Amino acid sequence: LFLYTRSMLGISSKKIVLLLLFLPLIICFLGLSYLL
């Protein structure tokens, strides 16, 4: 949603924002890997 909104409006954002938004997904993959 955020990437689409940013692209539609053509407004740049800080890389830290993208990292924060994707961080839960990254941790999820790490958690799944650990449990497997």
PDB file of all heavy atoms in Angstrom:
ATOM      1  N   LEU A   1       0.841  -1.205   0.000  1.00  0.00           N
ATOM      2  CA  LEU A   1       0.000   0.000   0.000  1.00  0.00           C
ATOM      3  C   LEU A   1       0.871   1.247   0.000  1.00  0.00           C
ATOM      4  O   LEU A   1       0.636   2.186  -0.769  1.00  0.00           O
ATOM      5  CB  LEU A   1      -0.905  -0.008   1.233  1.00  0.00           C
ATOM      6  CG  LEU A   1      -1.636   1.318   1.540  1.00  0.00           C
ATOM      7  CD1 LEU A   1      -2.668   1.619   0.465  1.00  0.00           C
ATOM      8  CD2 LEU A   1      -2.299   1.258   2.918  1.00  0.00           C
ATOM      9  N   PHE A   2       1.878   1.269   0.863  1.00  0.00           N
ATOM     10  CA  PHE A   2       2.763   2.431   0.948  1.00  0.00           C
ATOM     11  C   PHE A   2       3.540   2.632  -0.349  1.00  0.00           C
ATOM     12  O   PHE A   2       3.639   3.754  -0.851  1.00  0.00           O
ATOM     13  CB  PHE A   2       3.735   2.260   2.118  1.00  0.00           C
ATOM     14  CG  PHE A   2       4.726   3.386   2.237  1.00  0.00           C
ATOM     15  CD1 PHE A   2       4.354   4.599   2.796  1.00  0.00           C
ATOM     16  CD2 PHE A   2       6.030   3.237   1.774  1.00  0.00           C
ATOM     17  CE1 PHE A   2       5.259   5.649   2.897  1.00  0.00           C
ATOM     18  CE2 PHE A   2       6.936   4.271   1.873  1.00  0.00           C
ATOM     19  CZ  PHE A   2       6.559   5.483   2.428  1.00  0.00           C
ATOM     20  N   LEU A   3       4.105   1.557  -0.897  1.00  0.00           N
ATOM     21  CA  LEU A   3       4.866   1.663  -2.144  1.00  0.00           C
ATOM     22  C   LEU A   3       3.986   2.160  -3.281  1.00  0.00           C
ATOM     23  O   LEU A   3       4.416   2.971  -4.112  1.00  0.00           O
ATOM     24  CB  LEU A   3       5.460   0.299  -2.513  1.00  0.00           C
ATOM     25  CG  LEU A   3       6.639  -0.186  -1.667  1.00  0.00           C
ATOM     26  CD1 LEU A   3       7.022  -1.607  -2.060  1.00  0.00           C
ATOM     27  CD2 LEU A   3       7.833   0.751  -1.812  1.00  0.00           C
ATOM     28  N   TYR A   4       2.748   1.683  -3.319  1.00  0.00           N
ATOM     29  CA  TYR A   4       1.824   2.108  -4.380  1.00  0.00           C
ATOM     30  C   TYR A   4       1.469   3.580  -4.226  1.00  0.00           C
ATOM     31  O   TYR A   4       1.472   4.333  -5.199  1.00  0.00           O
ATOM     32  CB  TYR A   4       0.560   1.253  -4.339  1.00  0.00           C
ATOM     33  CG  TYR A   4      -0.456   1.628  -5.391  1.00  0.00           C
ATOM     34  CD1 TYR A   4      -0.205   1.396  -6.738  1.00  0.00           C
ATOM     35  CD2 TYR A   4      -1.663   2.217  -5.030  1.00  0.00           C
ATOM     36  CE1 TYR A   4      -1.137   1.748  -7.707  1.00  0.00           C
ATOM     37  CE2 TYR A   4      -2.594   2.563  -5.990  1.00  0.00           C
ATOM     38  CZ  TYR A   4      -2.326   2.329  -7.326  1.00  0.00           C
ATOM     39  OH  TYR A   4      -3.244   2.684  -8.286  1.00  0.00           O
ATOM     40  N   THR A   5       1.166   4.004  -3.001  1.00  0.00           N
ATOM     41  CA  THR A   5       0.843   5.409  -2.741  1.00  0.00           C
ATOM     42  C   THR A   5       2.010   6.308  -3.111  1.00  0.00           C
ATOM     43  O   THR A   5       1.844   7.343  -3.771  1.00  0.00           O
ATOM     44  CB  THR A   5       0.480   5.617  -1.256  1.00  0.00           C
ATOM     45  OG1 THR A   5      -0.596   4.758  -0.908  1.00  0.00           O
ATOM     46  CG2 THR A   5       0.068   7.060  -0.987  1.00  0.00           C
ATOM     47  N   ARG A   6       3.198   5.906  -2.708  1.00  0.00           N
ATOM     48  CA  ARG A   6       4.401   6.696  -3.014  1.00  0.00           C
ATOM     49  C   ARG A   6       4.626   6.815  -4.511  1.00  0.00           C
ATOM     50  O   ARG A   6       4.935   7.900  -5.020  1.00  0.00           O
ATOM     51  CB  ARG A   6       5.619   6.034  -2.355  1.00  0.00           C
ATOM     52  CG  ARG A   6       6.890   6.851  -2.447  1.00  0.00           C
ATOM     53  CD  ARG A   6       8.072   6.150  -1.829  1.00  0.00           C
ATOM     54  NE  ARG A   6       8.515   5.019  -2.651  1.00  0.00           N
ATOM     55  CZ  ARG A   6       9.719   4.458  -2.529  1.00  0.00           C
ATOM     56  NH1 ARG A   6      10.575   4.897  -1.608  1.00  0.00           N
ATOM     57  NH2 ARG A   6      10.059   3.446  -3.287  1.00  0.00           N
ATOM     58  N   SER A   7       4.438   5.711  -5.225  1.00  0.00           N
ATOM     59  CA  SER A   7       4.645   5.722  -6.672  1.00  0.00           C
ATOM     60  C   SER A   7       3.574   6.543  -7.385  1.00  0.00           C
ATOM     61  O   SER A   7       3.867   7.289  -8.320  1.00  0.00           O
ATOM     62  CB  SER A   7       4.649   4.285  -7.207  1.00  0.00           C
ATOM     63  OG  SER A   7       4.870   4.276  -8.596  1.00  0.00           O
ATOM     64  N   MET A   8       2.324   6.422  -6.949  1.00  0.00           N
ATOM     65  CA  MET A   8       1.224   7.178  -7.567  1.00  0.00           C
ATOM     66  C   MET A   8       1.421   8.674  -7.408  1.00  0.00           C
ATOM     67  O   MET A   8       1.162   9.462  -8.318  1.00  0.00           O
ATOM     68  CB  MET A   8      -0.106   6.770  -6.935  1.00  0.00           C
ATOM     69  CG  MET A   8      -0.715   5.529  -7.537  1.00  0.00           C
ATOM     70  SD  MET A   8      -1.510   5.830  -9.135  1.00  0.00           S
ATOM     71  CE  MET A   8      -3.035   6.607  -8.608  1.00  0.00           C
ATOM     72  N   LEU A   9       1.894   9.088  -6.236  1.00  0.00           N
ATOM     73  CA  LEU A   9       2.066  10.510  -5.953  1.00  0.00           C
ATOM     74  C   LEU A   9       3.429  11.018  -6.403  1.00  0.00           C
ATOM     75  O   LEU A   9       3.639  12.228  -6.501  1.00  0.00           O
ATOM     76  CB  LEU A   9       1.891  10.777  -4.457  1.00  0.00           C
ATOM     77  CG  LEU A   9       0.532  10.389  -3.872  1.00  0.00           C
ATOM     78  CD1 LEU A   9       0.496  10.695  -2.382  1.00  0.00           C
ATOM     79  CD2 LEU A   9      -0.596  11.130  -4.591  1.00  0.00           C
ATOM     80  N   GLY A  10       4.356  10.102  -6.665  1.00  0.00           N
ATOM     81  CA  GLY A  10       5.687  10.509  -7.114  1.00  0.00           C
ATOM     82  C   GLY A  10       6.490  11.217  -6.049  1.00  0.00           C
ATOM     83  O   GLY A  10       7.323  12.062  -6.341  1.00  0.00           O
ATOM     84  N   ILE A  11       6.225  10.869  -4.787  1.00  0.00           N
ATOM     85  CA  ILE A  11       6.917  11.521  -3.670  1.00  0.00           C
ATOM     86  C   ILE A  11       7.947  10.553  -3.087  1.00  0.00           C
ATOM     87  O   ILE A  11       7.639   9.387  -2.838  1.00  0.00           O
ATOM     88  CB  ILE A  11       5.915  11.952  -2.583  1.00  0.00           C
ATOM     89  CG1 ILE A  11       4.958  12.995  -3.145  1.00  0.00           C
ATOM     90  CG2 ILE A  11       6.641  12.510  -1.370  1.00  0.00           C
ATOM     91  CD1 ILE A  11       3.870  13.415  -2.183  1.00  0.00           C
ATOM     92  N   SER A  12       9.141  11.038  -2.885  1.00  0.00           N
ATOM     93  CA  SER A  12      10.186  10.195  -2.324  1.00  0.00           C
ATOM     94  C   SER A  12       9.987  10.041  -0.818  1.00  0.00           C
ATOM     95  O   SER A  12       9.314  10.842  -0.177  1.00  0.00           O
ATOM     96  CB  SER A  12      11.564  10.798  -2.608  1.00  0.00           C
ATOM     97  OG  SER A  12      11.664  12.091  -2.032  1.00  0.00           O
ATOM     98  N   SER A  13      10.576   8.995  -0.257  1.00  0.00           N
ATOM     99  CA  SER A  13      10.505   8.769   1.187  1.00  0.00           C
ATOM    100  C   SER A  13      11.866   8.293   1.674  1.00  0.00           C
ATOM    101  O   SER A  13      12.703   7.827   0.894  1.00  0.00           O
ATOM    102  CB  SER A  13       9.435   7.722   1.518  1.00  0.00           C
ATOM    103  OG  SER A  13       9.749   6.495   0.903  1.00  0.00           O
ATOM    104  N   LYS A  14      12.084   8.400   2.966  1.00  0.00           N
ATOM    105  CA  LYS A  14      13.351   7.970   3.538  1.00  0.00           C
ATOM    106  C   LYS A  14      13.451   6.444   3.513  1.00  0.00           C
ATOM    107  O   LYS A  14      12.467   5.740   3.704  1.00  0.00           O
ATOM    108  CB  LYS A  14      13.478   8.483   4.973  1.00  0.00           C
ATOM    109  CG  LYS A  14      13.546  10.000   5.072  1.00  0.00           C
ATOM    110  CD  LYS A  14      13.645  10.446   6.520  1.00  0.00           C
ATOM    111  CE  LYS A  14      13.712  11.973   6.631  1.00  0.00           C
ATOM    112  NZ  LYS A  14      13.773  12.427   8.039  1.00  0.00           N
ATOM    113  N   LYS A  15      14.673   5.957   3.304  1.00  0.00           N
ATOM    114  CA  LYS A  15      14.899   4.513   3.254  1.00  0.00           C
ATOM    115  C   LYS A  15      14.556   3.849   4.584  1.00  0.00           C
ATOM    116  O   LYS A  15      14.123   2.698   4.620  1.00  0.00           O
ATOM    117  CB  LYS A  15      16.346   4.229   2.884  1.00  0.00           C
ATOM    118  CG  LYS A  15      16.684   4.592   1.444  1.00  0.00           C
ATOM    119  CD  LYS A  15      18.127   4.267   1.112  1.00  0.00           C
ATOM    120  CE  LYS A  15      18.450   4.654  -0.331  1.00  0.00           C
ATOM    121  NZ  LYS A  15      19.872   4.359  -0.678  1.00  0.00           N
ATOM    122  N   ILE A  16      14.711   4.591   5.678  1.00  0.00           N
ATOM    123  CA  ILE A  16      14.414   4.033   6.998  1.00  0.00           C
ATOM    124  C   ILE A  16      12.932   3.689   7.129  1.00  0.00           C
ATOM    125  O   ILE A  16      12.556   2.735   7.818  1.00  0.00           O
ATOM    126  CB  ILE A  16      14.839   5.027   8.124  1.00  0.00           C
ATOM    127  CG1 ILE A  16      14.695   4.373   9.507  1.00  0.00           C
ATOM    128  CG2 ILE A  16      14.056   6.325   8.045  1.00  0.00           C
ATOM    129  CD1 ILE A  16      15.606   3.215   9.741  1.00  0.00           C
ATOM    130  N   VAL A  17      12.068   4.449   6.436  1.00  0.00           N
ATOM    131  CA  VAL A  17      10.630   4.174   6.475  1.00  0.00           C
ATOM    132  C   VAL A  17      10.347   2.828   5.812  1.00  0.00           C
ATOM    133  O   VAL A  17       9.596   1.997   6.347  1.00  0.00           O
ATOM    134  CB  VAL A  17       9.838   5.300   5.778  1.00  0.00           C
ATOM    135  CG1 VAL A  17       8.360   4.923   5.672  1.00  0.00           C
ATOM    136  CG2 VAL A  17       9.991   6.610   6.538  1.00  0.00           C
ATOM    137  N   LEU A  18      10.949   2.610   4.646  1.00  0.00           N
ATOM    138  CA  LEU A  18      10.768   1.333   3.953  1.00  0.00           C
ATOM    139  C   LEU A  18      11.287   0.175   4.803  1.00  0.00           C
ATOM    140  O   LEU A  18      10.652  -0.883   4.884  1.00  0.00           O
ATOM    141  CB  LEU A  18      11.495   1.360   2.612  1.00  0.00           C
ATOM    142  CG  LEU A  18      10.833   2.170   1.493  1.00  0.00           C
ATOM    143  CD1 LEU A  18      11.716   2.192   0.265  1.00  0.00           C
ATOM    144  CD2 LEU A  18       9.475   1.575   1.144  1.00  0.00           C
ATOM    145  N   LEU A  19      12.421   0.386   5.443  1.00  0.00           N
ATOM    146  CA  LEU A  19      12.993  -0.660   6.297  1.00  0.00           C
ATOM    147  C   LEU A  19      12.051  -0.998   7.446  1.00  0.00           C
ATOM    148  O   LEU A  19      11.816  -2.173   7.750  1.00  0.00           O
ATOM    149  CB  LEU A  19      14.349  -0.203   6.839  1.00  0.00           C
ATOM    150  CG  LEU A  19      15.067  -1.175   7.787  1.00  0.00           C
ATOM    151  CD1 LEU A  19      15.353  -2.493   7.080  1.00  0.00           C
ATOM    152  CD2 LEU A  19      16.350  -0.554   8.321  1.00  0.00           C
ATOM    153  N   LEU A  20      11.486   0.043   8.078  1.00  0.00           N
ATOM    154  CA  LEU A  20      10.565  -0.173   9.194  1.00  0.00           C
ATOM    155  C   LEU A  20       9.317  -0.927   8.755  1.00  0.00           C
ATOM    156  O   LEU A  20       8.806  -1.788   9.479  1.00  0.00           O
ATOM    157  CB  LEU A  20      10.177   1.174   9.815  1.00  0.00           C
ATOM    158  CG  LEU A  20      11.264   1.885  10.637  1.00  0.00           C
ATOM    159  CD1 LEU A  20      10.803   3.277  11.032  1.00  0.00           C
ATOM    160  CD2 LEU A  20      11.632   1.071  11.874  1.00  0.00           C
ATOM    161  N   LEU A  21       8.805  -0.602   7.547  1.00  0.00           N
ATOM    162  CA  LEU A  21       7.584  -1.245   7.066  1.00  0.00           C
ATOM    163  C   LEU A  21       7.815  -2.697   6.668  1.00  0.00           C
ATOM    164  O   LEU A  21       6.919  -3.529   6.814  1.00  0.00           O
ATOM    165  CB  LEU A  21       7.013  -0.454   5.877  1.00  0.00           C
ATOM    166  CG  LEU A  21       6.506   0.953   6.201  1.00  0.00           C
ATOM    167  CD1 LEU A  21       5.963   1.633   4.950  1.00  0.00           C
ATOM    168  CD2 LEU A  21       5.426   0.921   7.273  1.00  0.00           C
ATOM    169  N   PHE A  22       9.006  -2.983   6.163  1.00  0.00           N
ATOM    170  CA  PHE A  22       9.302  -4.360   5.757  1.00  0.00           C
ATOM    171  C   PHE A  22       9.932  -5.185   6.872  1.00  0.00           C
ATOM    172  O   PHE A  22      10.080  -6.405   6.726  1.00  0.00           O
ATOM    173  CB  PHE A  22      10.232  -4.358   4.535  1.00  0.00           C
ATOM    174  CG  PHE A  22       9.511  -4.155   3.233  1.00  0.00           C
ATOM    175  CD1 PHE A  22       9.460  -2.903   2.641  1.00  0.00           C
ATOM    176  CD2 PHE A  22       8.872  -5.214   2.608  1.00  0.00           C
ATOM    177  CE1 PHE A  22       8.794  -2.717   1.434  1.00  0.00           C
ATOM    178  CE2 PHE A  22       8.203  -5.046   1.410  1.00  0.00           C
ATOM    179  CZ  PHE A  22       8.160  -3.786   0.816  1.00  0.00           C
ATOM    180  N   LEU A  23      10.278  -4.537   7.975  1.00  0.00           N
ATOM    181  CA  LEU A  23      10.929  -5.245   9.083  1.00  0.00           C
ATOM    182  C   LEU A  23      10.076  -6.383   9.647  1.00  0.00           C
ATOM    183  O   LEU A  23      10.601  -7.487   9.884  1.00  0.00           O
ATOM    184  CB  LEU A  23      11.295  -4.251  10.190  1.00  0.00           C
ATOM    185  CG  LEU A  23      12.161  -4.793  11.326  1.00  0.00           C
ATOM    186  CD1 LEU A  23      13.496  -5.313  10.788  1.00  0.00           C
ATOM    187  CD2 LEU A  23      12.408  -3.703  12.377  1.00  0.00           C
ATOM    188  N   PRO A  24       8.765  -6.178   9.882  1.00  0.00           N
ATOM    189  CA  PRO A  24       7.951  -7.306  10.376  1.00  0.00           C
ATOM    190  C   PRO A  24       7.982  -8.510   9.431  1.00  0.00           C
ATOM    191  O   PRO A  24       8.015  -9.653   9.889  1.00  0.00           O
ATOM    192  CB  PRO A  24       6.540  -6.712  10.463  1.00  0.00           C
ATOM    193  CG  PRO A  24       6.765  -5.251  10.660  1.00  0.00           C
ATOM    194  CD  PRO A  24       7.963  -4.931   9.827  1.00  0.00           C
ATOM    195  N   LEU A  25       7.981  -8.247   8.122  1.00  0.00           N
ATOM    196  CA  LEU A  25       8.028  -9.340   7.152  1.00  0.00           C
ATOM    197  C   LEU A  25       9.359 -10.076   7.227  1.00  0.00           C
ATOM    198  O   LEU A  25       9.403 -11.310   7.197  1.00  0.00           O
ATOM    199  CB  LEU A  25       7.822  -8.780   5.741  1.00  0.00           C
ATOM    200  CG  LEU A  25       7.781  -9.804   4.605  1.00  0.00           C
ATOM    201  CD1 LEU A  25       6.582 -10.723   4.764  1.00  0.00           C
ATOM    202  CD2 LEU A  25       7.746  -9.099   3.257  1.00  0.00           C
ATOM    203  N   ILE A  26      10.448  -9.323   7.364  1.00  0.00           N
ATOM    204  CA  ILE A  26      11.786  -9.929   7.474  1.00  0.00           C
ATOM    205  C   ILE A  26      11.882 -10.793   8.731  1.00  0.00           C
ATOM    206  O   ILE A  26      12.373 -11.936   8.692  1.00  0.00           O
ATOM    207  CB  ILE A  26      12.871  -8.830   7.493  1.00  0.00           C
ATOM    208  CG1 ILE A  26      12.888  -8.075   6.154  1.00  0.00           C
ATOM    209  CG2 ILE A  26      14.245  -9.429   7.774  1.00  0.00           C
ATOM    210  CD1 ILE A  26      13.724  -6.809   6.175  1.00  0.00           C
ATOM    211  N   ILE A  27      11.396 -10.249   9.852  1.00  0.00           N
ATOM    212  CA  ILE A  27      11.432 -11.000  11.115  1.00  0.00           C
ATOM    213  C   ILE A  27      10.560 -12.248  11.019  1.00  0.00           C
ATOM    214  O   ILE A  27      10.889 -13.304  11.563  1.00  0.00           O
ATOM    215  CB  ILE A  27      10.987 -10.096  12.284  1.00  0.00           C
ATOM    216  CG1 ILE A  27      11.995  -8.953  12.482  1.00  0.00           C
ATOM    217  CG2 ILE A  27      10.843 -10.907  13.566  1.00  0.00           C
ATOM    218  CD1 ILE A  27      11.578  -7.938  13.519  1.00  0.00           C
ATOM    219  N   CYS A  28       9.431 -12.117  10.301  1.00  0.00           N
ATOM    220  CA  CYS A  28       8.536 -13.269  10.114  1.00  0.00           C
ATOM    221  C   CYS A  28       9.257 -14.402   9.397  1.00  0.00           C
ATOM    222  O   CYS A  28       9.170 -15.572   9.803  1.00  0.00           O
ATOM    223  CB  CYS A  28       7.296 -12.841   9.335  1.00  0.00           C
ATOM    224  SG  CYS A  28       6.191 -14.198   8.901  1.00  0.00           S
ATOM    225  N   PHE A  29       9.971 -14.076   8.322  1.00  0.00           N
ATOM    226  CA  PHE A  29      10.710 -15.107   7.586  1.00  0.00           C
ATOM    227  C   PHE A  29      11.804 -15.736   8.456  1.00  0.00           C
ATOM    228  O   PHE A  29      12.025 -16.949   8.402  1.00  0.00           O
ATOM    229  CB  PHE A  29      11.327 -14.509   6.321  1.00  0.00           C
ATOM    230  CG  PHE A  29      10.368 -14.410   5.177  1.00  0.00           C
ATOM    231  CD1 PHE A  29      10.057 -13.185   4.613  1.00  0.00           C
ATOM    232  CD2 PHE A  29       9.764 -15.546   4.651  1.00  0.00           C
ATOM    233  CE1 PHE A  29       9.164 -13.091   3.554  1.00  0.00           C
ATOM    234  CE2 PHE A  29       8.869 -15.475   3.594  1.00  0.00           C
ATOM    235  CZ  PHE A  29       8.560 -14.242   3.047  1.00  0.00           C
ATOM    236  N   LEU A  30      12.469 -14.899   9.239  1.00  0.00           N
ATOM    237  CA  LEU A  30      13.500 -15.420  10.144  1.00  0.00           C
ATOM    238  C   LEU A  30      12.882 -16.357  11.179  1.00  0.00           C
ATOM    239  O   LEU A  30      13.442 -17.416  11.507  1.00  0.00           O
ATOM    240  CB  LEU A  30      14.233 -14.270  10.835  1.00  0.00           C
ATOM    241  CG  LEU A  30      15.112 -13.384   9.931  1.00  0.00           C
ATOM    242  CD1 LEU A  30      15.667 -12.197  10.728  1.00  0.00           C
ATOM    243  CD2 LEU A  30      16.251 -14.198   9.332  1.00  0.00           C
ATOM    244  N   GLY A  31      11.710 -15.961  11.712  1.00  0.00           N
ATOM    245  CA  GLY A  31      11.014 -16.787  12.695  1.00  0.00           C
ATOM    246  C   GLY A  31      10.558 -18.111  12.112  1.00  0.00           C
ATOM    247  O   GLY A  31      10.691 -19.169  12.743  1.00  0.00           O
ATOM    248  N   LEU A  32      10.012 -18.067  10.882  1.00  0.00           N
ATOM    249  CA  LEU A  32       9.581 -19.300  10.215  1.00  0.00           C
ATOM    250  C   LEU A  32      10.770 -20.237   9.991  1.00  0.00           C
ATOM    251  O   LEU A  32      10.667 -21.454  10.184  1.00  0.00           O
ATOM    252  CB  LEU A  32       8.922 -18.972   8.876  1.00  0.00           C
ATOM    253  CG  LEU A  32       7.486 -18.437   8.912  1.00  0.00           C
ATOM    254  CD1 LEU A  32       7.040 -18.031   7.527  1.00  0.00           C
ATOM    255  CD2 LEU A  32       6.535 -19.495   9.472  1.00  0.00           C
ATOM    256  N   SER A  33      11.875 -19.637   9.567  1.00  0.00           N
ATOM    257  CA  SER A  33      13.088 -20.435   9.332  1.00  0.00           C
ATOM    258  C   SER A  33      13.545 -21.113  10.625  1.00  0.00           C
ATOM    259  O   SER A  33      13.912 -22.296  10.632  1.00  0.00           O
ATOM    260  CB  SER A  33      14.214 -19.550   8.779  1.00  0.00           C
ATOM    261  OG  SER A  33      13.818 -18.928   7.578  1.00  0.00           O
ATOM    262  N   TYR A  34      13.524 -20.362  11.706  1.00  0.00           N
ATOM    263  CA  TYR A  34      13.947 -20.906  13.007  1.00  0.00           C
ATOM    264  C   TYR A  34      13.039 -22.056  13.434  1.00  0.00           C
ATOM    265  O   TYR A  34      13.513 -23.117  13.870  1.00  0.00           O
ATOM    266  CB  TYR A  34      13.934 -19.801  14.066  1.00  0.00           C
ATOM    267  CG  TYR A  34      14.169 -20.297  15.461  1.00  0.00           C
ATOM    268  CD1 TYR A  34      15.451 -20.621  15.903  1.00  0.00           C
ATOM    269  CD2 TYR A  34      13.099 -20.467  16.348  1.00  0.00           C
ATOM    270  CE1 TYR A  34      15.670 -21.097  17.178  1.00  0.00           C
ATOM    271  CE2 TYR A  34      13.301 -20.939  17.633  1.00  0.00           C
ATOM    272  CZ  TYR A  34      14.594 -21.251  18.047  1.00  0.00           C
ATOM    273  OH  TYR A  34      14.798 -21.726  19.318  1.00  0.00           O
ATOM    274  N   LEU A  35      11.718 -21.870  13.299  1.00  0.00           N
ATOM    275  CA  LEU A  35      10.774 -22.901  13.715  1.00  0.00           C
ATOM    276  C   LEU A  35      10.886 -24.151  12.853  1.00  0.00           C
ATOM    277  O   LEU A  35      10.711 -25.276  13.331  1.00  0.00           O
ATOM    278  CB  LEU A  35       9.344 -22.353  13.665  1.00  0.00           C
ATOM    279  CG  LEU A  35       8.996 -21.326  14.741  1.00  0.00           C
ATOM    280  CD1 LEU A  35       7.624 -20.726  14.484  1.00  0.00           C
ATOM    281  CD2 LEU A  35       9.039 -21.947  16.130  1.00  0.00           C
ATOM    282  N   LEU A  36      11.181 -23.961  11.563  1.00  0.00           N
ATOM    283  CA  LEU A  36      11.366 -25.108  10.679  1.00  0.00           C
ATOM    284  C   LEU A  36      12.595 -25.923  11.089  1.00  0.00           C
ATOM    285  O   LEU A  36      12.588 -27.152  11.056  1.00  0.00           O
ATOM    286  CB  LEU A  36      11.508 -24.642   9.228  1.00  0.00           C
ATOM    287  CG  LEU A  36      10.204 -24.311   8.492  1.00  0.00           C
ATOM    288  CD1 LEU A  36      10.496 -23.604   7.177  1.00  0.00           C
ATOM    289  CD2 LEU A  36       9.390 -25.585   8.235  1.00  0.00           C
TER     290      LEU A  36
END
